[in-house]
N, C-alpha and C. Protein backbone atom coordinates (compact mmCIF):
# COMPACT_ATOMS: atom_id res chain seq x y z
N MET A 1 10.64 -5.66 8.55
CA MET A 1 10.14 -4.52 9.33
C MET A 1 8.90 -3.92 8.67
N LEU A 2 9.10 -3.24 7.59
CA LEU A 2 7.93 -2.63 6.88
C LEU A 2 7.61 -3.46 5.65
N ASN A 3 8.10 -4.65 5.54
CA ASN A 3 7.86 -5.54 4.38
C ASN A 3 6.38 -5.91 4.38
N ARG A 4 5.93 -6.37 5.53
CA ARG A 4 4.56 -6.86 5.62
C ARG A 4 3.60 -5.70 5.31
N ARG A 5 3.87 -4.54 5.84
CA ARG A 5 2.93 -3.40 5.66
C ARG A 5 3.01 -2.98 4.19
N THR A 6 4.18 -2.88 3.61
CA THR A 6 4.31 -2.45 2.24
C THR A 6 3.58 -3.46 1.27
N LEU A 7 3.78 -4.69 1.55
CA LEU A 7 3.13 -5.68 0.68
C LEU A 7 1.63 -5.62 0.80
N LYS A 8 1.14 -5.44 2.03
CA LYS A 8 -0.30 -5.41 2.23
C LYS A 8 -0.87 -4.06 1.77
N GLU A 9 -0.25 -2.93 2.14
CA GLU A 9 -0.84 -1.66 1.82
C GLU A 9 -0.48 -1.34 0.33
N GLY A 10 0.80 -1.58 -0.05
CA GLY A 10 1.16 -1.26 -1.44
C GLY A 10 2.34 -0.36 -1.50
N PRO A 11 2.77 0.03 -2.69
CA PRO A 11 3.91 0.87 -2.86
C PRO A 11 3.69 2.25 -2.37
N VAL A 12 2.43 2.62 -2.23
CA VAL A 12 2.06 3.97 -1.79
C VAL A 12 2.55 4.20 -0.34
N SER A 13 2.39 3.14 0.42
CA SER A 13 2.76 3.25 1.91
C SER A 13 4.29 3.59 1.96
N LYS A 14 5.10 2.97 1.15
CA LYS A 14 6.53 3.15 1.17
C LYS A 14 6.85 4.59 0.78
N THR A 15 6.18 5.12 -0.22
CA THR A 15 6.49 6.47 -0.72
C THR A 15 5.90 7.52 0.27
N SER A 16 4.74 7.30 0.72
CA SER A 16 4.12 8.31 1.64
C SER A 16 4.67 8.05 3.08
N GLY A 17 4.99 6.87 3.40
CA GLY A 17 5.49 6.60 4.69
C GLY A 17 4.35 6.44 5.68
N GLU A 18 3.12 6.50 5.20
CA GLU A 18 1.95 6.30 6.07
C GLU A 18 1.07 5.15 5.54
N PRO A 19 0.40 4.52 6.45
CA PRO A 19 -0.51 3.41 6.11
C PRO A 19 -1.68 3.89 5.25
N GLU A 20 -1.49 4.05 4.02
CA GLU A 20 -2.65 4.52 3.12
C GLU A 20 -3.43 3.34 2.70
N LYS A 21 -4.59 3.07 3.40
CA LYS A 21 -5.36 1.87 3.09
C LYS A 21 -6.19 2.19 1.78
N GLN A 22 -6.67 3.35 1.64
CA GLN A 22 -7.49 3.70 0.49
C GLN A 22 -6.70 3.49 -0.81
N GLU A 23 -5.48 3.94 -0.84
CA GLU A 23 -4.69 3.76 -2.10
C GLU A 23 -4.28 2.29 -2.27
N GLY A 24 -3.89 1.68 -1.18
CA GLY A 24 -3.47 0.26 -1.31
C GLY A 24 -4.61 -0.60 -1.77
N VAL A 25 -5.76 -0.35 -1.24
CA VAL A 25 -6.95 -1.15 -1.65
C VAL A 25 -7.34 -0.81 -3.09
N ASP A 26 -7.24 0.45 -3.41
CA ASP A 26 -7.54 0.88 -4.82
C ASP A 26 -6.66 0.13 -5.80
N LEU A 27 -5.38 0.10 -5.48
CA LEU A 27 -4.42 -0.51 -6.38
C LEU A 27 -4.72 -2.03 -6.57
N GLU A 28 -4.99 -2.65 -5.43
CA GLU A 28 -5.27 -4.10 -5.47
C GLU A 28 -6.63 -4.33 -6.14
N ASP A 29 -7.55 -3.54 -5.83
CA ASP A 29 -8.91 -3.69 -6.36
C ASP A 29 -8.95 -3.50 -7.90
N GLY A 30 -8.21 -2.44 -8.32
CA GLY A 30 -8.20 -2.06 -9.72
C GLY A 30 -7.28 -3.03 -10.46
N GLY A 31 -6.32 -3.61 -9.78
CA GLY A 31 -5.42 -4.57 -10.45
C GLY A 31 -4.58 -3.80 -11.45
N ARG A 32 -4.08 -2.61 -11.13
CA ARG A 32 -3.33 -1.82 -12.06
C ARG A 32 -1.89 -2.28 -12.04
């Protein structure tokens, strides 16, 4: 259900419950 979105957006989406693209991209871009 929200597995694809969580994996693509990141753990922020699951916590916030909203599609946070900025945070997801930042996490993947920064490689933290």
